[in-house]
């Protein structure tokens, strides 16, 4: 599991070329684990290789959903920067994050719900091998429910705060370094 998390982080770092965005996307993974653990517990499954495989699949899907939301917010922030041609205020960043999330509720929800709908038949299966596949699907199904909540409600707030902090730390144009 730690190797998978490191691999996901390295791939995110290669995509974003900074530490902040991959670190924020990695926050989706522990939050998704909460839903996965709840459903595994509720179903009465013990930890096994199949359950761990389900958690690995969940980690990748959670990171993918986080990247999608982060990309939508980045696009909106870049549009705002191009229009304004000046440093953004905290209110502008927050408004852009809210607007990007509000406009992209459908793609994020469809992505998560497609995963959920695809896993439900596996959870209802009763034939040969169903006991193993259910243990793989349970963490992913439970985790996708919490990832959906995180991606639409919590993740934009965290990323907005990180962007506001980065914007505040940028040197102001026209000021000498020692005047800061």
Protein backbone atom coordinates (compact mmCIF):
# COMPACT_ATOMS: atom_id res chain seq x y z
CA UNK A 1 0.00 0.00 0.00
CA UNK A 2 2.72 2.56 0.81
CA UNK A 3 4.43 1.77 -2.50
CA UNK A 4 1.15 2.42 -4.35
CA UNK A 5 0.73 5.78 -2.57
CA UNK A 6 4.29 6.81 -3.43
CA UNK A 7 3.75 5.76 -7.05
CA UNK A 8 0.52 7.79 -7.25
CA UNK A 9 2.31 10.82 -5.78
CA UNK A 10 5.23 10.51 -8.21
CA UNK A 11 2.85 10.28 -11.17
CA UNK A 12 0.94 13.32 -9.94
CA UNK A 13 4.19 15.22 -9.46
CA UNK A 14 5.22 14.39 -13.03
CA UNK A 15 1.88 15.71 -14.27
CA UNK A 16 1.78 18.94 -12.24
CA UNK A 17 5.51 19.72 -11.78
CA UNK A 18 5.04 21.06 -8.25
CA UNK A 19 4.45 19.65 -4.79
CA UNK A 20 1.31 21.56 -3.75
CA UNK A 21 -1.18 20.16 -6.24
CA UNK A 22 -0.18 16.47 -5.84
CA UNK A 23 -0.24 16.88 -2.06
CA UNK A 24 -3.77 18.27 -2.20
CA UNK A 25 -4.92 15.54 -4.59
CA UNK A 26 -3.43 12.94 -2.22
CA UNK A 27 -5.88 14.21 0.44
CA UNK A 28 -8.63 12.47 -1.51
CA UNK A 29 -7.14 9.07 -0.70
CA UNK A 30 -7.52 9.06 3.11
CA UNK A 31 -10.98 10.56 2.78
CA UNK A 32 -11.98 7.83 0.36
CA UNK A 33 -10.63 5.19 2.73
CA UNK A 34 -13.21 6.29 5.29
CA UNK A 35 -16.11 5.24 3.07
CA UNK A 36 -14.31 2.05 2.03
CA UNK A 37 -13.64 1.04 5.63
CA UNK A 38 -17.25 1.76 6.60
CA UNK A 39 -18.68 -0.45 3.86
CA UNK A 40 -16.17 -3.26 4.47
CA UNK A 41 -17.11 -3.17 8.16
CA UNK A 42 -20.85 -2.97 7.45
CA UNK A 43 -20.63 -5.95 5.08
CA UNK A 44 -18.76 -7.95 7.73
CA UNK A 45 -15.70 -8.60 5.53
CA UNK A 46 -12.33 -9.29 7.12
CA UNK A 47 -9.21 -7.70 5.73
CA UNK A 48 -7.83 -9.92 2.98
CA UNK A 49 -5.84 -9.65 -0.23
CA UNK A 50 -9.08 -9.01 -2.15
CA UNK A 51 -10.03 -6.14 0.19
CA UNK A 52 -6.56 -4.64 -0.18
CA UNK A 53 -6.87 -4.85 -3.98
CA UNK A 54 -10.16 -2.96 -3.67
CA UNK A 55 -8.46 -0.26 -1.61
CA UNK A 56 -5.68 0.04 -4.20
CA UNK A 57 -8.26 0.47 -6.97
CA UNK A 58 -10.06 3.02 -4.80
CA UNK A 59 -6.84 5.01 -4.28
CA UNK A 60 -6.35 5.36 -8.03
CA UNK A 61 -9.95 6.30 -8.69
CA UNK A 62 -9.98 8.82 -5.83
CA UNK A 63 -6.82 10.47 -7.14
CA UNK A 64 -8.32 10.58 -10.64
CA UNK A 65 -11.43 12.35 -9.34
CA UNK A 66 -9.28 14.80 -7.36
CA UNK A 67 -7.20 15.60 -10.45
CA UNK A 68 -10.37 16.24 -12.44
CA UNK A 69 -11.71 18.77 -9.91
CA UNK A 70 -8.30 20.40 -9.53
CA UNK A 71 -7.99 20.76 -13.30
CA UNK A 72 -11.39 22.43 -13.55
CA UNK A 73 -10.42 24.92 -10.85
CA UNK A 74 -7.04 25.58 -12.51
CA UNK A 75 -8.75 26.33 -15.82
CA UNK A 76 -11.09 28.84 -14.17
CA UNK A 77 -8.22 30.50 -12.23
CA UNK A 78 -6.15 30.85 -15.42
CA UNK A 79 -9.10 32.46 -17.24
CA UNK A 80 -9.44 34.93 -14.39
CA UNK A 81 -5.69 35.70 -14.40
CA UNK A 82 -5.75 36.35 -18.15
CA UNK A 83 -8.71 38.70 -17.79
CA UNK A 84 -7.37 40.61 -14.81
CA UNK A 85 -3.62 40.72 -15.64
CA UNK A 86 -2.88 41.41 -11.96
CA UNK A 87 -2.54 39.40 -8.75
CA UNK A 88 -5.81 37.84 -7.64
CA UNK A 89 -7.45 38.57 -4.32
CA UNK A 90 -8.63 35.88 -1.94
CA UNK A 91 -12.26 36.62 -2.78
CA UNK A 92 -11.58 36.29 -6.50
CA UNK A 93 -9.83 32.95 -6.02
CA UNK A 94 -12.64 31.68 -3.82
CA UNK A 95 -15.28 32.82 -6.31
CA UNK A 96 -13.41 31.21 -9.21
CA UNK A 97 -13.11 27.94 -7.28
CA UNK A 98 -16.81 27.98 -6.46
CA UNK A 99 -17.74 28.78 -10.05
CA UNK A 100 -15.50 26.03 -11.44
CA UNK A 101 -16.94 23.48 -9.04
CA UNK A 102 -20.52 24.57 -9.66
CA UNK A 103 -20.09 24.37 -13.43
CA UNK A 104 -18.47 20.94 -13.22
CA UNK A 105 -20.79 19.14 -10.80
CA UNK A 106 -22.17 16.99 -13.61
CA UNK A 107 -18.83 15.55 -14.90
CA UNK A 108 -17.59 14.85 -11.37
CA UNK A 109 -20.88 13.29 -10.31
CA UNK A 110 -21.16 11.22 -13.50
CA UNK A 111 -17.63 9.90 -13.05
CA UNK A 112 -18.26 8.85 -9.46
CA UNK A 113 -21.76 7.54 -10.14
CA UNK A 114 -20.56 5.51 -13.14
CA UNK A 115 -18.09 3.78 -10.84
CA UNK A 116 -20.77 3.25 -8.20
CA UNK A 117 -23.35 1.90 -10.67
CA UNK A 118 -20.73 -0.41 -12.16
CA UNK A 119 -19.92 -1.86 -8.74
CA UNK A 120 -23.49 -2.43 -7.53
CA UNK A 121 -24.08 -5.58 -9.65
CA UNK A 122 -20.87 -7.05 -8.26
CA UNK A 123 -22.17 -6.49 -4.73
CA UNK A 124 -25.44 -8.33 -5.62
CA UNK A 125 -23.69 -11.27 -7.30
CA UNK A 126 -24.23 -14.72 -5.83
CA UNK A 127 -22.49 -17.05 -8.30
CA UNK A 128 -19.06 -18.61 -8.31
CA UNK A 129 -16.36 -16.14 -7.27
CA UNK A 130 -18.83 -13.61 -5.91
CA UNK A 131 -17.32 -13.81 -2.43
CA UNK A 132 -13.95 -12.58 -3.79
CA UNK A 133 -15.30 -9.95 -6.17
CA UNK A 134 -17.55 -8.49 -3.47
CA UNK A 135 -14.51 -8.01 -1.25
CA UNK A 136 -12.76 -6.16 -4.07
CA UNK A 137 -15.80 -4.02 -4.90
CA UNK A 138 -16.81 -3.10 -1.32
CA UNK A 139 -13.94 -0.68 -0.57
CA UNK A 140 -14.25 0.95 -3.98
CA UNK A 141 -18.02 1.36 -3.69
CA UNK A 142 -17.96 2.80 -0.18
CA UNK A 143 -15.01 5.01 -0.96
CA UNK A 144 -16.57 6.47 -4.08
CA UNK A 145 -19.49 7.72 -2.01
CA UNK A 146 -17.16 9.70 0.23
CA UNK A 147 -14.98 10.81 -2.71
CA UNK A 148 -18.03 12.32 -4.37
CA UNK A 149 -18.74 14.35 -1.23
CA UNK A 150 -15.11 15.39 -0.85
CA UNK A 151 -14.70 16.37 -4.49
CA UNK A 152 -17.71 18.64 -4.58
CA UNK A 153 -17.71 20.15 -1.08
CA UNK A 154 -14.37 19.96 0.71
CA UNK A 155 -11.70 19.68 -1.99
CA UNK A 156 -12.49 23.05 -3.68
CA UNK A 157 -12.26 24.83 -0.31
CA UNK A 158 -8.87 23.30 0.51
CA UNK A 159 -7.48 24.05 -2.94
CA UNK A 160 -8.85 27.59 -2.85
CA UNK A 161 -7.10 28.19 0.48
CA UNK A 162 -3.82 26.84 -0.94
CA UNK A 163 -4.13 29.11 -4.00
CA UNK A 164 -4.86 32.11 -1.78
CA UNK A 165 -1.76 31.35 0.29
CA UNK A 166 0.39 31.02 -2.85
CA UNK A 167 -0.99 34.25 -4.29
CA UNK A 168 -0.31 36.14 -1.05
CA UNK A 169 3.31 34.95 -1.06
CA UNK A 170 4.01 36.14 -4.61
CA UNK A 171 6.13 39.29 -4.77
CA UNK A 172 4.12 42.38 -5.61
CA UNK A 173 4.99 44.01 -8.94
CA UNK A 174 6.96 47.21 -8.65
CA UNK A 175 8.34 46.51 -5.18
CA UNK A 176 11.97 45.78 -4.55
CA UNK A 177 12.79 42.53 -2.79
CA UNK A 178 13.96 44.25 0.43
CA UNK A 179 10.72 46.28 0.66
CA UNK A 180 8.68 43.10 1.10
